[in-house]
Amino acid sequence: MRAVAYDEFGGPEVLTLRDDLPDPPVGPDTVLVRVHASAVNPVDLLIRHGGLAGAFPHHFPIVPGWDVSGVVEAAGPAVTGFAAGDEVYGYVRRDDVQWGTAAELVPAPQRCLAHKPSSLSFAEAAGVPLAGLTAYQALTEALEVGEGDRVLVHRAAGGVGFFAVQIAVALGAHVVGTASPRNHGFLTDAGAAEVLDYSAGPLSAQLSEPVDAVLDLVGGDTLADAPKQVRDPARVASVVDPSVKEAGGRYVFVRPEHEHLEELARMADAGQLRVPVARAFPLERIAEAQDLVAGGHVRGKVVLTLR
């Protein structure tokens, strides 16, 4: 199998394109996906540096990547929802770190997959799962956003933030996003009713009135200011800073969820969710793709294409 892999933690220099890896096993609950596209996320760099070694068992060689879109190659005998030939997408976060999505084939537990939105290309679909699920679970579960809520989304032009803006709008919320001035039009096009400049001082001082819910994607001083931004401190959620719990808020660690992926696909096909692809790289340029993500100022998703 052709894949990118590494045998030790480190920088981009450890990434190696290989064609000698064995095809991954197909367990009873496993769907084997022939990959068309894979997305690059900040967590891929964290794993490559060993930052999650205490959270998951790691087995070298490690193939990076958790986001995927492709076609089902085979399905284990206990799999009921997918069959060979199905177009799928998913967040393939297994219980260990080894078989990632920067490869020709990836073994995915069926809970990690859903049928690909028909309105999205494979490259676009690969950009949805991790960021889209993070936004969806934060808004619907942690913050319980509903019709008429005023929702503040920090770093709204980033991967998770851009999905959060669109999902909150689909839920009927009035969305206030924060971004640099160059991204204000980008967020208005996505449905944000108001856009604030995060560099223009504390957000609590810029808001005309407190909001009903805050989604923090920054942490630090931005999170510290959140109690002044919101009516109820319990309706603050962060995906980057667990200390939010100390003030009564919610910390969100995204999980694979078939039903949520299906709902994101429904939103995409209903025209409520679009996926801007910032750059698409061939598999052999994964180090360049990861470096771009590491820079932290990408507008849209960075993807790897295999077909």
Protein backbone atom coordinates (compact mmCIF):
# COMPACT_ATOMS: atom_id res chain seq x y z
CA MET A 1 0.00 0.00 0.00
CA ARG A 2 1.16 3.52 -0.80
CA ALA A 3 1.02 5.83 2.20
CA VAL A 4 2.83 8.50 4.17
CA ALA A 5 4.23 7.17 7.44
CA TYR A 6 6.74 7.94 10.18
CA ASP A 7 8.71 5.71 12.55
CA GLU A 8 9.47 8.29 15.24
CA PHE A 9 8.08 11.53 16.60
CA GLY A 10 9.48 14.76 15.22
CA GLY A 11 9.14 17.52 12.65
CA PRO A 12 8.08 17.28 9.00
CA GLU A 13 11.37 15.56 8.19
CA VAL A 14 10.06 12.29 9.71
CA LEU A 15 7.30 12.05 7.08
CA THR A 16 8.14 9.51 4.39
CA LEU A 17 6.17 8.46 1.33
CA ARG A 18 6.26 4.66 1.21
CA ASP A 19 4.87 1.98 -1.06
CA ASP A 20 5.81 -1.02 1.05
CA LEU A 21 3.23 -0.85 3.84
CA PRO A 22 0.89 -3.85 4.11
CA ASP A 23 -2.78 -3.38 3.29
CA PRO A 24 -4.61 -2.72 6.58
CA PRO A 25 -6.68 -5.46 8.19
CA VAL A 26 -10.47 -5.57 7.85
CA GLY A 27 -11.99 -6.47 11.21
CA PRO A 28 -15.60 -7.54 11.72
CA ASP A 29 -16.80 -3.98 12.44
CA THR A 30 -14.39 -2.32 10.01
CA VAL A 31 -14.99 -0.61 6.69
CA LEU A 32 -11.98 -0.53 4.37
CA VAL A 33 -12.03 2.76 2.45
CA ARG A 34 -10.08 3.46 -0.72
CA VAL A 35 -9.06 7.05 -0.11
CA HIS A 36 -9.78 9.81 -2.61
CA ALA A 37 -8.94 12.72 -0.29
CA SER A 38 -7.75 13.39 3.23
CA ALA A 39 -7.67 16.65 5.20
CA VAL A 40 -4.78 18.06 7.22
CA ASN A 41 -5.62 19.34 10.71
CA PRO A 42 -3.58 20.87 13.56
CA VAL A 43 -4.03 17.65 15.56
CA ASP A 44 -1.95 15.81 12.93
CA LEU A 45 1.04 17.96 13.87
CA LEU A 46 0.37 17.44 17.58
CA ILE A 47 0.38 13.67 17.10
CA ARG A 48 3.52 13.80 14.95
CA HIS A 49 5.33 15.58 17.78
CA GLY A 50 4.13 13.00 20.33
CA GLY A 51 1.63 15.35 21.97
CA LEU A 52 -1.08 12.69 22.33
CA ALA A 53 1.20 9.79 23.30
CA GLY A 54 -0.37 9.73 26.77
CA ALA A 55 -3.94 9.72 25.45
CA PHE A 56 -3.88 6.92 22.85
CA PRO A 57 -1.74 3.83 22.27
CA HIS A 58 0.65 4.58 19.39
CA HIS A 59 2.03 1.92 17.04
CA PHE A 60 4.81 2.74 14.58
CA PRO A 61 4.90 3.16 11.67
CA ILE A 62 2.15 5.75 12.02
CA VAL A 63 0.13 6.92 9.03
CA PRO A 64 -1.13 10.47 9.80
CA GLY A 65 -4.60 11.86 9.24
CA TRP A 66 -8.09 11.45 10.71
CA ASP A 67 -10.33 13.00 7.98
CA VAL A 68 -11.20 11.00 4.87
CA SER A 69 -13.45 10.72 1.86
CA GLY A 70 -13.44 7.83 -0.56
CA VAL A 71 -15.14 4.66 -1.72
CA VAL A 72 -15.79 1.50 0.28
CA GLU A 73 -13.41 -1.25 -0.84
CA ALA A 74 -14.66 -3.93 1.56
CA ALA A 75 -16.74 -4.25 4.72
CA GLY A 76 -16.41 -6.63 7.66
CA PRO A 77 -19.14 -9.20 8.35
CA ALA A 78 -20.69 -7.17 11.21
CA VAL A 79 -21.00 -3.99 9.13
CA THR A 80 -24.62 -3.25 8.20
CA GLY A 81 -24.68 0.33 6.90
CA PHE A 82 -22.08 0.24 4.14
CA ALA A 83 -21.23 -1.91 1.15
CA ALA A 84 -18.49 -2.03 -1.46
CA GLY A 85 -18.82 0.87 -3.88
CA ASP A 86 -20.47 3.30 -1.46
CA GLU A 87 -19.10 6.83 -1.42
CA VAL A 88 -18.31 7.73 2.20
CA TYR A 89 -16.62 10.32 4.36
CA GLY A 90 -15.64 10.29 7.99
CA TYR A 91 -13.60 11.15 11.04
CA VAL A 92 -11.44 8.06 11.47
CA ARG A 93 -10.28 8.50 15.04
CA ARG A 94 -9.71 4.94 16.12
CA ASP A 95 -8.92 3.76 19.66
CA ASP A 96 -5.22 3.72 18.78
CA VAL A 97 -2.95 5.74 16.51
CA GLN A 98 -1.53 3.80 13.58
CA TRP A 99 -3.74 3.53 10.51
CA GLY A 100 -4.40 7.11 9.39
CA THR A 101 -5.95 8.55 6.26
CA ALA A 102 -2.89 9.78 4.31
CA ALA A 103 -2.87 6.47 2.49
CA GLU A 104 -4.46 4.57 -0.36
CA LEU A 105 -6.50 2.47 2.09
CA VAL A 106 -7.75 3.17 5.60
CA PRO A 107 -9.60 0.82 7.99
CA ALA A 108 -12.49 2.74 9.58
CA PRO A 109 -14.83 1.58 12.34
CA GLN A 110 -18.33 1.98 10.94
CA ARG A 111 -19.21 4.51 13.69
CA CYS A 112 -16.65 6.87 12.13
CA LEU A 113 -18.28 7.04 8.69
CA ALA A 114 -21.35 8.30 6.87
CA HIS A 115 -22.40 8.49 3.25
CA LYS A 116 -20.66 11.34 1.45
CA PRO A 117 -22.76 14.43 0.70
CA SER A 118 -23.66 14.15 -2.96
CA SER A 119 -23.27 17.89 -3.47
CA LEU A 120 -19.61 17.94 -2.37
CA SER A 121 -16.53 16.78 -4.22
CA PHE A 122 -14.29 14.25 -2.52
CA ALA A 123 -11.81 17.02 -1.68
CA GLU A 124 -14.56 19.18 -0.14
CA ALA A 125 -16.07 16.26 1.77
CA ALA A 126 -12.69 15.37 3.28
CA GLY A 127 -12.55 18.84 4.81
CA VAL A 128 -15.75 18.42 6.80
CA PRO A 129 -15.53 15.65 9.42
CA LEU A 130 -13.21 16.74 12.25
CA ALA A 131 -13.93 20.47 12.03
CA GLY A 132 -17.60 20.03 11.23
CA LEU A 133 -18.22 17.54 14.03
CA THR A 134 -16.37 19.78 16.50
CA ALA A 135 -18.56 22.74 15.62
CA TYR A 136 -21.76 20.68 15.56
CA GLN A 137 -21.18 18.97 18.90
CA ALA A 138 -20.12 22.21 20.59
CA LEU A 139 -23.18 24.09 19.36
CA THR A 140 -25.87 21.42 19.75
CA GLU A 141 -24.67 19.54 22.83
CA ALA A 142 -22.45 21.84 24.91
CA LEU A 143 -24.23 25.12 24.14
CA GLU A 144 -27.69 23.87 23.11
CA VAL A 145 -28.00 26.62 20.51
CA GLY A 146 -31.49 27.17 19.16
CA GLU A 147 -33.73 29.54 17.26
CA GLY A 148 -33.15 33.19 18.14
CA ASP A 149 -29.99 32.72 20.22
CA ARG A 150 -27.22 35.29 19.82
CA VAL A 151 -24.02 33.23 19.42
CA LEU A 152 -20.46 34.59 19.46
CA VAL A 153 -17.92 32.49 17.55
CA HIS A 154 -14.26 33.35 18.13
CA ARG A 155 -11.76 32.80 15.29
CA ALA A 156 -14.72 32.36 13.02
CA ALA A 157 -12.73 32.29 9.76
CA GLY A 158 -10.75 29.20 10.81
CA GLY A 159 -11.63 25.59 10.04
CA VAL A 160 -13.94 24.94 13.01
CA GLY A 161 -15.14 28.54 13.20
CA PHE A 162 -16.34 28.72 9.61
CA PHE A 163 -18.40 25.55 10.09
CA ALA A 164 -19.71 26.87 13.41
CA VAL A 165 -20.98 30.06 11.77
CA GLN A 166 -22.87 28.11 9.11
CA ILE A 167 -24.24 25.50 11.50
CA ALA A 168 -25.40 28.12 14.01
CA VAL A 169 -27.18 30.00 11.21
CA ALA A 170 -28.85 26.73 10.14
CA LEU A 171 -30.01 26.29 13.76
CA GLY A 172 -31.68 29.70 13.61
CA ALA A 173 -29.14 31.70 15.58
CA HIS A 174 -27.97 35.29 15.15
CA VAL A 175 -24.23 34.83 14.72
CA VAL A 176 -21.49 37.24 15.73
CA GLY A 177 -18.05 36.18 14.47
CA THR A 178 -14.58 37.48 15.21
CA ALA A 179 -11.88 37.73 12.56
CA SER A 180 -9.27 40.02 11.09
CA PRO A 181 -10.69 42.72 8.79
CA ARG A 182 -9.60 40.86 5.65
CA ASN A 183 -11.99 38.00 6.57
CA HIS A 184 -15.07 40.06 7.42
CA GLY A 185 -16.64 39.64 3.97
CA PHE A 186 -15.81 35.94 4.02
CA LEU A 187 -17.87 35.53 7.22
CA THR A 188 -20.72 37.75 6.07
CA ASP A 189 -21.05 35.54 3.00
CA ALA A 190 -21.25 32.53 5.34
CA GLY A 191 -24.21 34.06 7.17
CA ALA A 192 -22.68 35.95 10.10
CA ALA A 193 -24.93 38.86 11.07
CA GLU A 194 -22.08 40.76 12.71
CA VAL A 195 -18.30 40.49 12.44
CA LEU A 196 -15.92 42.01 15.00
CA ASP A 197 -12.19 42.68 14.75
CA TYR A 198 -10.45 40.61 17.43
CA SER A 199 -7.45 42.97 17.30
CA ALA A 200 -9.52 46.03 18.20
CA GLY A 201 -9.66 45.39 21.95
CA PRO A 202 -11.64 43.15 24.31
CA LEU A 203 -14.70 41.65 22.63
CA SER A 204 -16.84 42.37 25.67
CA ALA A 205 -16.30 46.08 25.01
CA GLN A 206 -17.20 45.74 21.31
CA LEU A 207 -20.48 43.89 21.75
CA SER A 208 -23.63 46.02 21.74
CA GLU A 209 -25.12 43.61 24.28
CA PRO A 210 -24.13 40.28 25.86
CA VAL A 211 -24.73 37.17 23.79
CA ASP A 212 -26.54 33.96 24.76
CA ALA A 213 -23.64 31.59 24.00
CA VAL A 214 -19.91 31.77 23.25
CA LEU A 215 -17.85 29.26 21.28
CA ASP A 216 -14.15 29.79 22.09
CA LEU A 217 -11.58 28.60 19.58
CA VAL A 218 -8.70 30.71 20.91
CA GLY A 219 -8.27 30.29 24.69
CA GLY A 220 -6.06 32.54 26.82
CA ASP A 221 -7.16 36.15 27.21
CA THR A 222 -10.06 35.62 24.81
CA LEU A 223 -11.50 32.89 27.03
CA ALA A 224 -10.81 34.94 30.16
CA ASP A 225 -12.97 37.73 28.72
CA ALA A 226 -15.84 35.33 27.89
CA PRO A 227 -17.81 35.76 31.19
CA LYS A 228 -18.23 39.44 30.26
CA GLN A 229 -19.44 38.51 26.77
CA VAL A 230 -22.25 36.15 27.72
CA ARG A 231 -25.39 36.34 29.84
CA ASP A 232 -24.87 32.92 31.43
CA PRO A 233 -21.24 31.72 32.01
CA ALA A 234 -22.48 28.13 31.76
CA ARG A 235 -23.07 28.72 28.05
CA VAL A 236 -19.40 29.12 27.19
CA ALA A 237 -17.72 26.22 25.38
CA SER A 238 -14.07 25.88 24.39
CA VAL A 239 -12.42 23.31 22.15
CA VAL A 240 -8.88 24.48 23.00
CA ASP A 241 -8.78 25.24 26.74
CA PRO A 242 -10.05 22.78 29.41
CA SER A 243 -9.85 25.54 32.04
CA VAL A 244 -13.24 26.71 30.77
CA LYS A 245 -14.74 24.16 33.18
CA GLU A 246 -13.41 26.13 36.17
CA ALA A 247 -15.83 28.95 35.34
CA GLY A 248 -18.75 26.57 34.79
CA GLY A 249 -18.42 26.25 31.02
CA ARG A 250 -17.94 23.18 28.82
CA TYR A 251 -14.81 21.73 27.26
CA VAL A 252 -15.44 19.91 23.97
CA PHE A 253 -13.29 17.04 22.69
CA VAL A 254 -14.79 15.93 19.40
CA ARG A 255 -15.80 12.31 18.91
CA PRO A 256 -16.72 10.23 15.85
CA GLU A 257 -20.50 10.05 15.50
CA HIS A 258 -22.27 8.50 12.50
CA GLU A 259 -25.56 10.32 13.08
CA HIS A 260 -23.85 13.71 13.33
CA LEU A 261 -21.94 13.07 10.10
CA GLU A 262 -25.21 12.20 8.42
CA GLU A 263 -26.71 15.50 9.66
CA LEU A 264 -23.72 17.47 8.35
CA ALA A 265 -24.17 15.74 5.00
CA ARG A 266 -27.86 16.69 5.01
CA MET A 267 -26.92 20.32 5.71
CA ALA A 268 -24.40 20.31 2.87
CA ASP A 269 -26.89 18.86 0.40
CA ALA A 270 -29.50 21.40 1.56
CA GLY A 271 -27.11 24.24 0.72
CA GLN A 272 -26.56 25.19 4.37
CA LEU A 273 -22.91 24.12 4.53
CA ARG A 274 -20.17 24.95 2.08
CA VAL A 275 -16.54 23.91 2.31
CA PRO A 276 -13.85 26.28 1.06
CA VAL A 277 -10.74 24.33 0.09
CA ALA A 278 -7.77 26.64 0.67
CA ARG A 279 -5.18 24.36 -0.96
CA ALA A 280 -5.09 20.82 -2.31
CA PHE A 281 -1.78 18.95 -2.32
CA PRO A 282 -0.79 15.57 -3.74
CA LEU A 283 0.11 12.98 -1.12
CA GLU A 284 3.86 13.35 -1.63
CA ARG A 285 3.65 17.02 -0.59
CA ILE A 286 2.15 16.33 2.84
CA ALA A 287 5.03 18.06 4.67
CA GLU A 288 4.26 21.27 2.76
CA ALA A 289 0.57 20.88 3.57
CA GLN A 290 1.26 20.39 7.28
CA ASP A 291 3.59 23.40 7.32
CA LEU A 292 0.81 25.52 5.82
CA VAL A 293 -1.60 24.42 8.55
CA ALA A 294 1.06 25.04 11.20
CA GLY A 295 1.17 28.68 10.12
CA GLY A 296 -2.30 29.14 11.61
CA HIS A 297 -3.74 31.65 9.14
CA VAL A 298 -5.37 29.39 6.55
CA ARG A 299 -8.83 30.43 5.38
CA GLY A 300 -10.56 27.17 4.56
CA LYS A 301 -9.36 23.58 4.59
CA VAL A 302 -6.08 22.07 3.45
CA VAL A 303 -6.52 18.70 1.79
CA LEU A 304 -4.50 15.89 0.26
CA THR A 305 -5.81 14.36 -2.94
CA LEU A 306 -5.03 10.81 -4.06
CA ARG A 307 -7.28 10.73 -7.14
